[in-house]
PDB file of N, CA and C in Angstrom:
ATOM      1  N   MET A   1     -13.035 -28.006 -23.979  1.00  0.00           N
ATOM      2  CA  MET A   1     -12.638 -27.264 -22.797  1.00  0.00           C
ATOM      3  C   MET A   1     -11.382 -26.457 -23.085  1.00  0.00           C
ATOM      4  N   SER A   2     -11.278 -25.279 -22.463  1.00  0.00           N
ATOM      5  CA  SER A   2     -10.066 -24.485 -22.627  1.00  0.00           C
ATOM      6  C   SER A   2      -8.928 -25.172 -21.883  1.00  0.00           C
ATOM      7  N   ALA A   3      -7.717 -24.959 -22.369  1.00  0.00           N
ATOM      8  CA  ALA A   3      -6.555 -25.640 -21.803  1.00  0.00           C
ATOM      9  C   ALA A   3      -6.243 -25.162 -20.394  1.00  0.00           C
ATOM     10  N   GLN A   4      -6.486 -23.909 -20.109  1.00  0.00           N
ATOM     11  CA  GLN A   4      -6.075 -23.327 -18.844  1.00  0.00           C
ATOM     12  C   GLN A   4      -7.278 -22.669 -18.160  1.00  0.00           C
ATOM     13  N   PRO A   5      -7.519 -22.951 -16.872  1.00  0.00           N
ATOM     14  CA  PRO A   5      -8.584 -22.238 -16.168  1.00  0.00           C
ATOM     15  C   PRO A   5      -8.273 -20.739 -16.130  1.00  0.00           C
ATOM     16  N   ARG A   6      -9.299 -19.925 -16.226  1.00  0.00           N
ATOM     17  CA  ARG A   6      -9.130 -18.477 -16.213  1.00  0.00           C
ATOM     18  C   ARG A   6      -9.299 -17.965 -14.788  1.00  0.00           C
ATOM     19  N   LEU A   7      -8.317 -17.207 -14.322  1.00  0.00           N
ATOM     20  CA  LEU A   7      -8.428 -16.530 -13.040  1.00  0.00           C
ATOM     21  C   LEU A   7      -9.403 -15.371 -13.225  1.00  0.00           C
ATOM     22  N   LEU A   8     -10.469 -15.373 -12.454  1.00  0.00           N
ATOM     23  CA  LEU A   8     -11.492 -14.334 -12.581  1.00  0.00           C
ATOM     24  C   LEU A   8     -11.091 -13.076 -11.810  1.00  0.00           C
ATOM     25  N   PRO A   9     -11.612 -11.925 -12.209  1.00  0.00           N
ATOM     26  CA  PRO A   9     -11.197 -10.665 -11.581  1.00  0.00           C
ATOM     27  C   PRO A   9     -11.846 -10.388 -10.228  1.00  0.00           C
ATOM     28  N   TRP A  10     -12.569 -11.335  -9.703  1.00  0.00           N
ATOM     29  CA  TRP A  10     -13.154 -11.184  -8.371  1.00  0.00           C
ATOM     30  C   TRP A  10     -12.743 -12.376  -7.530  1.00  0.00           C
ATOM     31  N   PRO A  11     -12.637 -12.168  -6.227  1.00  0.00           N
ATOM     32  CA  PRO A  11     -12.242 -13.281  -5.357  1.00  0.00           C
ATOM     33  C   PRO A  11     -13.406 -14.226  -5.105  1.00  0.00           C
ATOM     34  N   GLY A  12     -13.052 -15.452  -4.770  1.00  0.00           N
ATOM     35  CA  GLY A  12     -14.047 -16.435  -4.379  1.00  0.00           C
ATOM     36  C   GLY A  12     -14.312 -16.331  -2.885  1.00  0.00           C
ATOM     37  N   PRO A  13     -14.936 -17.363  -2.325  1.00  0.00           N
ATOM     38  CA  PRO A  13     -15.208 -17.357  -0.882  1.00  0.00           C
ATOM     39  C   PRO A  13     -13.923 -17.181  -0.072  1.00  0.00           C
ATOM     40  N   ALA A  14     -14.017 -16.441   0.978  1.00  0.00           N
ATOM     41  CA  ALA A  14     -12.906 -16.178   1.901  1.00  0.00           C
ATOM     42  C   ALA A  14     -11.737 -15.484   1.198  1.00  0.00           C
ATOM     43  N   GLY A  15     -12.014 -14.801   0.081  1.00  0.00           N
ATOM     44  CA  GLY A  15     -10.975 -14.042  -0.604  1.00  0.00           C
ATOM     45  C   GLY A  15     -10.021 -14.875  -1.431  1.00  0.00           C
ATOM     46  N   LYS A  16     -10.314 -16.146  -1.581  1.00  0.00           N
ATOM     47  CA  LYS A  16      -9.432 -17.029  -2.355  1.00  0.00           C
ATOM     48  C   LYS A  16      -9.650 -16.824  -3.855  1.00  0.00           C
ATOM     49  N   PRO A  17      -8.649 -17.163  -4.672  1.00  0.00           N
ATOM     50  CA  PRO A  17      -8.795 -17.008  -6.123  1.00  0.00           C
ATOM     51  C   PRO A  17      -9.980 -17.816  -6.658  1.00  0.00           C
ATOM     52  N   CYS A  18     -10.634 -17.263  -7.654  1.00  0.00           N
ATOM     53  CA  CYS A  18     -11.794 -17.894  -8.271  1.00  0.00           C
ATOM     54  C   CYS A  18     -11.456 -18.131  -9.742  1.00  0.00           C
ATOM     55  N   TYR A  19     -11.695 -19.346 -10.228  1.00  0.00           N
ATOM     56  CA  TYR A  19     -11.316 -19.722 -11.590  1.00  0.00           C
ATOM     57  C   TYR A  19     -12.540 -20.141 -12.389  1.00  0.00           C
ATOM     58  N   LEU A  20     -12.433 -19.949 -13.699  1.00  0.00           N
ATOM     59  CA  LEU A  20     -13.464 -20.383 -14.629  1.00  0.00           C
ATOM     60  C   LEU A  20     -12.864 -21.403 -15.581  1.00  0.00           C
ATOM     61  N   VAL A  21     -13.513 -22.552 -15.675  1.00  0.00           N
ATOM     62  CA  VAL A  21     -13.134 -23.554 -16.656  1.00  0.00           C
ATOM     63  C   VAL A  21     -14.281 -23.580 -17.659  1.00  0.00           C
ATOM     64  N   SER A  22     -13.960 -23.313 -18.924  1.00  0.00           N
ATOM     65  CA  SER A  22     -14.997 -23.163 -19.934  1.00  0.00           C
ATOM     66  C   SER A  22     -14.550 -23.752 -21.256  1.00  0.00           C
ATOM     67  N   ASP A  23     -15.519 -24.182 -22.032  1.00  0.00           N
ATOM     68  CA  ASP A  23     -15.220 -24.636 -23.380  1.00  0.00           C
ATOM     69  C   ASP A  23     -15.669 -23.601 -24.405  1.00  0.00           C
ATOM     70  N   ALA A  24     -16.042 -22.409 -23.936  1.00  0.00           N
ATOM     71  CA  ALA A  24     -16.567 -21.365 -24.823  1.00  0.00           C
ATOM     72  C   ALA A  24     -15.471 -20.479 -25.405  1.00  0.00           C
ATOM     73  N   ASP A  25     -14.205 -20.704 -25.062  1.00  0.00           N
ATOM     74  CA  ASP A  25     -13.086 -19.914 -25.583  1.00  0.00           C
ATOM     75  C   ASP A  25     -13.314 -18.410 -25.457  1.00  0.00           C
ATOM     76  N   GLY A  26     -13.749 -17.980 -24.297  1.00  0.00           N
ATOM     77  CA  GLY A  26     -13.921 -16.559 -24.041  1.00  0.00           C
ATOM     78  C   GLY A  26     -15.224 -15.976 -24.532  1.00  0.00           C
ATOM     79  N   ALA A  27     -16.093 -16.794 -25.108  1.00  0.00           N
ATOM     80  CA  ALA A  27     -17.346 -16.277 -25.650  1.00  0.00           C
ATOM     81  C   ALA A  27     -18.528 -16.509 -24.716  1.00  0.00           C
ATOM     82  N   GLY A  28     -18.309 -17.202 -23.620  1.00  0.00           N
ATOM     83  CA  GLY A  28     -19.401 -17.495 -22.694  1.00  0.00           C
ATOM     84  C   GLY A  28     -19.777 -16.294 -21.848  1.00  0.00           C
ATOM     85  N   TYR A  29     -20.921 -16.407 -21.182  1.00  0.00           N
ATOM     86  CA  TYR A  29     -21.442 -15.312 -20.360  1.00  0.00           C
ATOM     87  C   TYR A  29     -20.452 -14.898 -19.274  1.00  0.00           C
ATOM     88  N   LEU A  30     -19.920 -15.854 -18.518  1.00  0.00           N
ATOM     89  CA  LEU A  30     -19.003 -15.500 -17.425  1.00  0.00           C
ATOM     90  C   LEU A  30     -17.697 -14.904 -17.948  1.00  0.00           C
ATOM     91  N   SER A  31     -17.217 -15.383 -19.077  1.00  0.00           N
ATOM     92  CA  SER A  31     -16.005 -14.804 -19.668  1.00  0.00           C
ATOM     93  C   SER A  31     -16.241 -13.348 -20.065  1.00  0.00           C
ATOM     94  N   ARG A  32     -17.386 -13.086 -20.688  1.00  0.00           N
ATOM     95  CA  ARG A  32     -17.700 -11.699 -21.078  1.00  0.00           C
ATOM     96  C   ARG A  32     -17.879 -10.820 -19.841  1.00  0.00           C
ATOM     97  N   LEU A  33     -18.528 -11.349 -18.821  1.00  0.00           N
ATOM     98  CA  LEU A  33     -18.707 -10.603 -17.571  1.00  0.00           C
ATOM     99  C   LEU A  33     -17.347 -10.296 -16.938  1.00  0.00           C
ATOM    100  N   ALA A  34     -16.446 -11.270 -16.945  1.00  0.00           N
ATOM    101  CA  ALA A  34     -15.097 -11.064 -16.401  1.00  0.00           C
ATOM    102  C   ALA A  34     -14.355 -10.002 -17.205  1.00  0.00           C
ATOM    103  N   ASP A  35     -14.485 -10.038 -18.538  1.00  0.00           N
ATOM    104  CA  ASP A  35     -13.842  -9.022 -19.381  1.00  0.00           C
ATOM    105  C   ASP A  35     -14.352  -7.625 -19.031  1.00  0.00           C
ATOM    106  N   GLU A  36     -15.663  -7.506 -18.858  1.00  0.00           N
ATOM    107  CA  GLU A  36     -16.266  -6.210 -18.505  1.00  0.00           C
ATOM    108  C   GLU A  36     -15.781  -5.745 -17.136  1.00  0.00           C
ATOM    109  N   MET A  37     -15.709  -6.672 -16.178  1.00  0.00           N
ATOM    110  CA  MET A  37     -15.252  -6.333 -14.830  1.00  0.00           C
ATOM    111  C   MET A  37     -13.796  -5.877 -14.852  1.00  0.00           C
ATOM    112  N   GLU A  38     -12.965  -6.559 -15.622  1.00  0.00           N
ATOM    113  CA  GLU A  38     -11.563  -6.151 -15.739  1.00  0.00           C
ATOM    114  C   GLU A  38     -11.465  -4.738 -16.302  1.00  0.00           C
ATOM    115  N   ALA A  39     -12.264  -4.435 -17.308  1.00  0.00           N
ATOM    116  CA  ALA A  39     -12.241  -3.097 -17.914  1.00  0.00           C
ATOM    117  C   ALA A  39     -12.642  -2.042 -16.889  1.00  0.00           C
ATOM    118  N   VAL A  40     -13.658  -2.330 -16.092  1.00  0.00           N
ATOM    119  CA  VAL A  40     -14.101  -1.393 -15.051  1.00  0.00           C
ATOM    120  C   VAL A  40     -13.010  -1.219 -13.999  1.00  0.00           C
ATOM    121  N   GLN A  41     -12.410  -2.324 -13.566  1.00  0.00           N
ATOM    122  CA  GLN A  41     -11.363  -2.239 -12.546  1.00  0.00           C
ATOM    123  C   GLN A  41     -10.176  -1.422 -13.042  1.00  0.00           C
ATOM    124  N   LEU A  42      -9.763  -1.634 -14.279  1.00  0.00           N
ATOM    125  CA  LEU A  42      -8.628  -0.877 -14.819  1.00  0.00           C
ATOM    126  C   LEU A  42      -8.969   0.598 -14.977  1.00  0.00           C
ATOM    127  N   GLN A  43     -10.189   0.902 -15.405  1.00  0.00           N
ATOM    128  CA  GLN A  43     -10.609   2.302 -15.531  1.00  0.00           C
ATOM    129  C   GLN A  43     -10.652   2.981 -14.161  1.00  0.00           C
ATOM    130  N   MET A  44     -11.173   2.282 -13.170  1.00  0.00           N
ATOM    131  CA  MET A  44     -11.216   2.846 -11.822  1.00  0.00           C
ATOM    132  C   MET A  44      -9.807   3.100 -11.297  1.00  0.00           C
ATOM    133  N   GLY A  45      -8.878   2.181 -11.576  1.00  0.00           N
ATOM    134  CA  GLY A  45      -7.490   2.367 -11.164  1.00  0.00           C
ATOM    135  C   GLY A  45      -6.873   3.590 -11.818  1.00  0.00           C
ATOM    136  N   ALA A  46      -7.149   3.764 -13.104  1.00  0.00           N
ATOM    137  CA  ALA A  46      -6.615   4.927 -13.824  1.00  0.00           C
ATOM    138  C   ALA A  46      -7.173   6.224 -13.240  1.00  0.00           C
ATOM    139  N   GLU A  47      -8.459   6.244 -12.938  1.00  0.00           N
ATOM    140  CA  GLU A  47      -9.064   7.436 -12.334  1.00  0.00           C
ATOM    141  C   GLU A  47      -8.487   7.694 -10.943  1.00  0.00           C
ATOM    142  N   LEU A  48      -8.240   6.641 -10.204  1.00  0.00           N
ATOM    143  CA  LEU A  48      -7.675   6.769  -8.855  1.00  0.00           C
ATOM    144  C   LEU A  48      -6.287   7.395  -8.904  1.00  0.00           C
ATOM    145  N   ILE A  49      -5.514   7.057  -9.910  1.00  0.00           N
ATOM    146  CA  ILE A  49      -4.189   7.662 -10.059  1.00  0.00           C
ATOM    147  C   ILE A  49      -4.320   9.175 -10.197  1.00  0.00           C
ATOM    148  N   GLY A  50      -5.290   9.629 -10.974  1.00  0.00           N
ATOM    149  CA  GLY A  50      -5.526  11.073 -11.116  1.00  0.00           C
ATOM    150  C   GLY A  50      -5.881  11.727  -9.792  1.00  0.00           C
ATOM    151  N   HIS A  51      -6.760  11.078  -9.027  1.00  0.00           N
ATOM    152  CA  HIS A  51      -7.117  11.607  -7.709  1.00  0.00           C
ATOM    153  C   HIS A  51      -5.904  11.626  -6.779  1.00  0.00           C
ATOM    154  N   ALA A  52      -5.085  10.578  -6.857  1.00  0.00           N
ATOM    155  CA  ALA A  52      -3.900  10.500  -6.003  1.00  0.00           C
ATOM    156  C   ALA A  52      -2.943  11.647  -6.310  1.00  0.00           C
ATOM    157  N   ARG A  53      -2.739  11.918  -7.589  1.00  0.00           N
ATOM    158  CA  ARG A  53      -1.840  13.020  -7.959  1.00  0.00           C
ATOM    159  C   ARG A  53      -2.329  14.346  -7.386  1.00  0.00           C
ATOM    160  N   LEU A  54      -3.624  14.572  -7.473  1.00  0.00           N
ATOM    161  CA  LEU A  54      -4.185  15.822  -6.938  1.00  0.00           C
ATOM    162  C   LEU A  54      -4.028  15.890  -5.421  1.00  0.00           C
ATOM    163  N   LEU A  55      -4.358  14.801  -4.742  1.00  0.00           N
ATOM    164  CA  LEU A  55      -4.285  14.806  -3.282  1.00  0.00           C
ATOM    165  C   LEU A  55      -2.846  14.956  -2.801  1.00  0.00           C
ATOM    166  N   LEU A  56      -1.914  14.327  -3.478  1.00  0.00           N
ATOM    167  CA  LEU A  56      -0.519  14.419  -3.049  1.00  0.00           C
ATOM    168  C   LEU A  56       0.076  15.809  -3.282  1.00  0.00           C
ATOM    169  N   ARG A  57      -0.508  16.562  -4.194  1.00  0.00           N
ATOM    170  CA  ARG A  57      -0.064  17.950  -4.400  1.00  0.00           C
ATOM    171  C   ARG A  57      -0.633  18.897  -3.344  1.00  0.00           C
ATOM    172  N   ASP A  58      -1.699  18.465  -2.684  1.00  0.00           N
ATOM    173  CA  ASP A  58      -2.368  19.289  -1.689  1.00  0.00           C
ATOM    174  C   ASP A  58      -1.619  19.200  -0.358  1.00  0.00           C
ATOM    175  N   ARG A  59      -0.948  20.259  -0.005  1.00  0.00           N
ATOM    176  CA  ARG A  59      -0.164  20.262   1.245  1.00  0.00           C
ATOM    177  C   ARG A  59      -1.048  20.217   2.485  1.00  0.00           C
ATOM    178  N   LYS A  60      -2.334  20.465   2.308  1.00  0.00           N
ATOM    179  CA  LYS A  60      -3.260  20.437   3.448  1.00  0.00           C
ATOM    180  C   LYS A  60      -3.889  19.061   3.655  1.00  0.00           C
ATOM    181  N   ALA A  61      -3.564  18.096   2.804  1.00  0.00           N
ATOM    182  CA  ALA A  61      -4.111  16.751   2.961  1.00  0.00           C
ATOM    183  C   ALA A  61      -3.626  16.160   4.285  1.00  0.00           C
ATOM    184  N   ASP A  62      -4.574  15.603   5.038  1.00  0.00           N
ATOM    185  CA  ASP A  62      -4.193  15.067   6.344  1.00  0.00           C
ATOM    186  C   ASP A  62      -3.935  13.554   6.274  1.00  0.00           C
ATOM    187  N   ALA A  63      -3.480  13.009   7.386  1.00  0.00           N
ATOM    188  CA  ALA A  63      -3.095  11.592   7.442  1.00  0.00           C
ATOM    189  C   ALA A  63      -4.279  10.679   7.143  1.00  0.00           C
ATOM    190  N   ARG A  64      -5.470  11.040   7.594  1.00  0.00           N
ATOM    191  CA  ARG A  64      -6.652  10.215   7.351  1.00  0.00           C
ATOM    192  C   ARG A  64      -6.929  10.111   5.857  1.00  0.00           C
ATOM    193  N   GLU A  65      -6.837  11.229   5.145  1.00  0.00           N
ATOM    194  CA  GLU A  65      -7.059  11.232   3.698  1.00  0.00           C
ATOM    195  C   GLU A  65      -5.988  10.411   2.970  1.00  0.00           C
ATOM    196  N   LEU A  66      -4.757  10.554   3.408  1.00  0.00           N
ATOM    197  CA  LEU A  66      -3.668   9.821   2.774  1.00  0.00           C
ATOM    198  C   LEU A  66      -3.760   8.320   3.040  1.00  0.00           C
ATOM    199  N   ARG A  67      -4.203   7.937   4.236  1.00  0.00           N
ATOM    200  CA  ARG A  67      -4.411   6.522   4.548  1.00  0.00           C
ATOM    201  C   ARG A  67      -5.522   5.943   3.673  1.00  0.00           C
ATOM    202  N   TYR A  68      -6.600   6.702   3.530  1.00  0.00           N
ATOM    203  CA  TYR A  68      -7.717   6.260   2.696  1.00  0.00           C
ATOM    204  C   TYR A  68      -7.237   6.071   1.249  1.00  0.00           C
ATOM    205  N   LEU A  69      -6.496   7.055   0.745  1.00  0.00           N
ATOM    206  CA  LEU A  69      -5.939   6.970  -0.600  1.00  0.00           C
ATOM    207  C   LEU A  69      -5.036   5.748  -0.736  1.00  0.00           C
ATOM    208  N   SER A  70      -4.187   5.520   0.241  1.00  0.00           N
ATOM    209  CA  SER A  70      -3.275   4.368   0.198  1.00  0.00           C
ATOM    210  C   SER A  70      -4.034   3.057   0.121  1.00  0.00           C
ATOM    211  N   ASN A  71      -5.085   2.935   0.899  1.00  0.00           N
ATOM    212  CA  ASN A  71      -5.890   1.709   0.871  1.00  0.00           C
ATOM    213  C   ASN A  71      -6.554   1.502  -0.483  1.00  0.00           C
ATOM    214  N   ARG A  72      -7.082   2.569  -1.080  1.00  0.00           N
ATOM    215  CA  ARG A  72      -7.709   2.451  -2.413  1.00  0.00           C
ATOM    216  C   ARG A  72      -6.665   2.111  -3.476  1.00  0.00           C
ATOM    217  N   LEU A  73      -5.462   2.696  -3.363  1.00  0.00           N
ATOM    218  CA  LEU A  73      -4.396   2.382  -4.309  1.00  0.00           C
ATOM    219  C   LEU A  73      -3.967   0.923  -4.193  1.00  0.00           C
ATOM    220  N   ILE A  74      -3.916   0.403  -2.970  1.00  0.00           N
ATOM    221  CA  ILE A  74      -3.582  -1.009  -2.758  1.00  0.00           C
ATOM    222  C   ILE A  74      -4.634  -1.895  -3.425  1.00  0.00           C
ATOM    223  N   GLU A  75      -5.901  -1.556  -3.240  1.00  0.00           N
ATOM    224  CA  GLU A  75      -6.970  -2.344  -3.863  1.00  0.00           C
ATOM    225  C   GLU A  75      -6.855  -2.317  -5.383  1.00  0.00           C
ATOM    226  N   ALA A  76      -6.590  -1.135  -5.941  1.00  0.00           N
ATOM    227  CA  ALA A  76      -6.466  -1.008  -7.396  1.00  0.00           C
ATOM    228  C   ALA A  76      -5.259  -1.798  -7.907  1.00  0.00           C
ATOM    229  N   LEU A  77      -4.163  -1.773  -7.165  1.00  0.00           N
ATOM    230  CA  LEU A  77      -2.975  -2.526  -7.564  1.00  0.00           C
ATOM    231  C   LEU A  77      -3.250  -4.025  -7.489  1.00  0.00           C
ATOM    232  N   GLN A  78      -3.952  -4.476  -6.450  1.00  0.00           N
ATOM    233  CA  GLN A  78      -4.302  -5.893  -6.351  1.00  0.00           C
ATOM    234  C   GLN A  78      -5.163  -6.319  -7.542  1.00  0.00           C
ATOM    235  N   ASP A  79      -6.128  -5.472  -7.919  1.00  0.00           N
ATOM    236  CA  ASP A  79      -6.965  -5.775  -9.082  1.00  0.00           C
ATOM    237  C   ASP A  79      -6.114  -5.872 -10.343  1.00  0.00           C
ATOM    238  N   ALA A  80      -5.223  -4.912 -10.539  1.00  0.00           N
ATOM    239  CA  ALA A  80      -4.384  -4.895 -11.745  1.00  0.00           C
ATOM    240  C   ALA A  80      -3.468  -6.115 -11.795  1.00  0.00           C
ATOM    241  N   LEU A  81      -2.916  -6.504 -10.656  1.00  0.00           N
ATOM    242  CA  LEU A  81      -2.046  -7.687 -10.616  1.00  0.00           C
ATOM    243  C   LEU A  81      -2.832  -8.963 -10.909  1.00  0.00           C
ATOM    244  N   ARG A  82      -4.063  -9.043 -10.386  1.00  0.00           N
ATOM    245  CA  ARG A  82      -4.899 -10.213 -10.656  1.00  0.00           C
ATOM    246  C   ARG A  82      -5.231 -10.281 -12.147  1.00  0.00           C
ATOM    247  N   ILE A  83      -5.529  -9.134 -12.756  1.00  0.00           N
ATOM    248  CA  ILE A  83      -5.826  -9.085 -14.189  1.00  0.00           C
ATOM    249  C   ILE A  83      -4.596  -9.502 -14.996  1.00  0.00           C
ATOM    250  N   ALA A  84      -3.435  -8.989 -14.611  1.00  0.00           N
ATOM    251  CA  ALA A  84      -2.200  -9.350 -15.320  1.00  0.00           C
ATOM    252  C   ALA A  84      -1.929 -10.847 -15.197  1.00  0.00           C
ATOM    253  N   GLU A  85      -2.119 -11.405 -14.023  1.00  0.00           N
ATOM    254  CA  GLU A  85      -1.909 -12.845 -13.830  1.00  0.00           C
ATOM    255  C   GLU A  85      -2.894 -13.645 -14.681  1.00  0.00           C
ATOM    256  N   SER A  86      -4.147 -13.218 -14.706  1.00  0.00           N
ATOM    257  CA  SER A  86      -5.160 -13.906 -15.488  1.00  0.00           C
ATOM    258  C   SER A  86      -4.839 -13.866 -16.976  1.00  0.00           C
ATOM    259  N   ARG A  87      -4.494 -12.688 -17.457  1.00  0.00           N
ATOM    260  CA  ARG A  87      -4.190 -12.557 -18.883  1.00  0.00           C
ATOM    261  C   ARG A  87      -2.899 -13.277 -19.246  1.00  0.00           C
ATOM    262  N   GLY A  88      -1.919 -13.222 -18.370  1.00  0.00           N
ATOM    263  CA  GLY A  88      -0.670 -13.932 -18.615  1.00  0.00           C
ATOM    264  C   GLY A  88      -0.883 -15.436 -18.661  1.00  0.00           C
ATOM    265  N   GLY A  89      -1.778 -15.934 -17.834  1.00  0.00           N
ATOM    266  CA  GLY A  89      -2.071 -17.357 -17.820  1.00  0.00           C
ATOM    267  C   GLY A  89      -2.776 -17.839 -19.070  1.00  0.00           C
ATOM    268  N   ARG A  90      -3.358 -16.911 -19.810  1.00  0.00           N
ATOM    269  CA  ARG A  90      -4.068 -17.282 -21.040  1.00  0.00           C
ATOM    270  C   ARG A  90      -3.221 -17.090 -22.293  1.00  0.00           C
ATOM    271  N   LEU A  91      -1.996 -16.585 -22.121  1.00  0.00           N
ATOM    272  CA  LEU A  91      -1.110 -16.441 -23.276  1.00  0.00           C
ATOM    273  C   LEU A  91      -0.599 -17.806 -23.697  1.00  0.00           C
ATOM    274  N   PRO A  92      -0.400 -17.999 -24.989  1.00  0.00           N
ATOM    275  CA  PRO A  92       0.154 -19.290 -25.420  1.00  0.00           C
ATOM    276  C   PRO A  92       1.590 -19.440 -24.929  1.00  0.00           C
ATOM    277  N   VAL A  93       1.968 -20.651 -24.627  1.00  0.00           N
ATOM    278  CA  VAL A  93       3.334 -20.942 -24.212  1.00  0.00           C
ATOM    279  C   VAL A  93       4.233 -20.693 -25.416  1.00  0.00           C
ATOM    280  N   SER A  94       5.366 -20.038 -25.214  1.00  0.00           N
ATOM    281  CA  SER A  94       6.222 -19.635 -26.331  1.00  0.00           C
ATOM    282  C   SER A  94       6.658 -20.809 -27.191  1.00  0.00           C
ATOM    283  N   GLY A  95       6.917 -21.943 -26.624  1.00  0.00           N
ATOM    284  CA  GLY A  95       7.318 -23.112 -27.398  1.00  0.00           C
ATOM    285  C   GLY A  95       6.219 -23.579 -28.342  1.00  0.00           C
ATOM    286  N   GLU A  96       4.957 -23.424 -27.927  1.00  0.00           N
ATOM    287  CA  GLU A  96       3.845 -23.843 -28.775  1.00  0.00           C
ATOM    288  C   GLU A  96       3.760 -22.973 -30.017  1.00  0.00           C
ATOM    289  N   CYS A  97       3.935 -21.666 -29.868  1.00  0.00           N
ATOM    290  CA  CYS A  97       3.809 -20.738 -30.989  1.00  0.00           C
ATOM    291  C   CYS A  97       4.977 -20.880 -31.949  1.00  0.00           C
ATOM    292  N   GLU A  98       6.176 -21.003 -31.429  1.00  0.00           N
ATOM    293  CA  GLU A  98       7.352 -21.042 -32.275  1.00  0.00           C
ATOM    294  C   GLU A  98       7.429 -22.333 -33.077  1.00  0.00           C
ATOM    295  N   SER A  99       7.083 -23.462 -32.472  1.00  0.00           N
ATOM    296  CA  SER A  99       7.229 -24.731 -33.171  1.00  0.00           C
ATOM    297  C   SER A  99       6.133 -24.961 -34.195  1.00  0.00           C
ATOM    298  N   ASP A 100       4.951 -24.436 -33.927  1.00  0.00           N
ATOM    299  CA  ASP A 100       3.832 -24.665 -34.823  1.00  0.00           C
ATOM    300  C   ASP A 100       3.723 -23.613 -35.912  1.00  0.00           C
ATOM    301  N   GLY A 101       4.411 -22.505 -35.767  1.00  0.00           N
ATOM    302  CA  GLY A 101       4.284 -21.417 -36.727  1.00  0.00           C
ATOM    303  C   GLY A 101       2.977 -20.683 -36.506  1.00  0.00           C
ATOM    304  N   PRO A 102       2.662 -19.752 -37.387  1.00  0.00           N
ATOM    305  CA  PRO A 102       1.420 -18.989 -37.220  1.00  0.00           C
ATOM    306  C   PRO A 102       0.213 -19.894 -37.385  1.00  0.00           C
ATOM    307  N   THR A 103      -0.780 -19.620 -36.570  1.00  0.00           N
ATOM    308  CA  THR A 103      -2.003 -20.415 -36.653  1.00  0.00           C
ATOM    309  C   THR A 103      -3.177 -19.498 -36.939  1.00  0.00           C
ATOM    310  N   GLN A 104      -4.178 -20.047 -37.568  1.00  0.00           N
ATOM    311  CA  GLN A 104      -5.410 -19.319 -37.812  1.00  0.00           C
ATOM    312  C   GLN A 104      -6.519 -20.163 -37.252  1.00  0.00           C
ATOM    313  N   ALA A 105      -7.400 -19.515 -36.499  1.00  0.00           N
ATOM    314  CA  ALA A 105      -8.546 -20.221 -35.938  1.00  0.00           C
ATOM    315  C   ALA A 105      -9.767 -19.896 -36.774  1.00  0.00           C
ATOM    316  N   ASN A 106     -10.387 -20.913 -37.269  1.00  0.00           N
ATOM    317  CA  ASN A 106     -11.611 -20.750 -38.030  1.00  0.00           C
ATOM    318  C   ASN A 106     -12.729 -21.454 -37.304  1.00  0.00           C
ATOM    319  N   GLU A 107     -13.897 -20.815 -37.273  1.00  0.00           N
ATOM    320  CA  GLU A 107     -15.037 -21.466 -36.673  1.00  0.00           C
ATOM    321  C   GLU A 107     -15.362 -22.717 -37.476  1.00  0.00           C
ATOM    322  N   GLY A 108     -15.706 -23.755 -36.770  1.00  0.00           N
ATOM    323  CA  GLY A 108     -16.063 -24.995 -37.436  1.00  0.00           C
ATOM    324  C   GLY A 108     -14.903 -25.965 -37.533  1.00  0.00           C
ATOM    325  N   ASP A 109     -13.642 -25.474 -37.350  1.00  0.00           N
ATOM    326  CA  ASP A 109     -12.511 -26.383 -37.362  1.00  0.00           C
ATOM    327  C   ASP A 109     -12.535 -27.206 -36.088  1.00  0.00           C
ATOM    328  N   GLY A 110     -12.207 -28.419 -36.143  1.00  0.00           N
ATOM    329  CA  GLY A 110     -12.281 -29.221 -34.932  1.00  0.00           C
ATOM    330  C   GLY A 110     -11.243 -30.161 -34.828  1.00  0.00           C
TER     331      GLY A 110
END
C-alpha cells in the first residue's frame, strides 16, 4: 500500500474530498485517470487565463460576462489548488530524503 492516500482531482459525494488508497504506486487505473484529469484541468485553466485577458481588455464587456468569467476562474483556481495539495501530499518528507540519501527504485525490490 502507498504510504499516503492520494487526493483525487474530483470531489466525492456532497463535494467532499475524495481519496485513493492504492498499492499500485501510481500505476493503477484510477491513478492514471486522475493524472489525465489533472492534466485536462490545468490545460483548461491555462486556456481560461487567455480568455480572461481578452475579456478584460474589452471595454464593452458587461457585468454578466465578467461574473461568468469570475466563476470559471474560481473553479479553475479550486482545481489547481486541489492538484497542488494532492501533489504536495505525495512528496517525500524532507527528513526521509536527507537521512537516507539518494534512493533508487527498482522493480522487484521488496
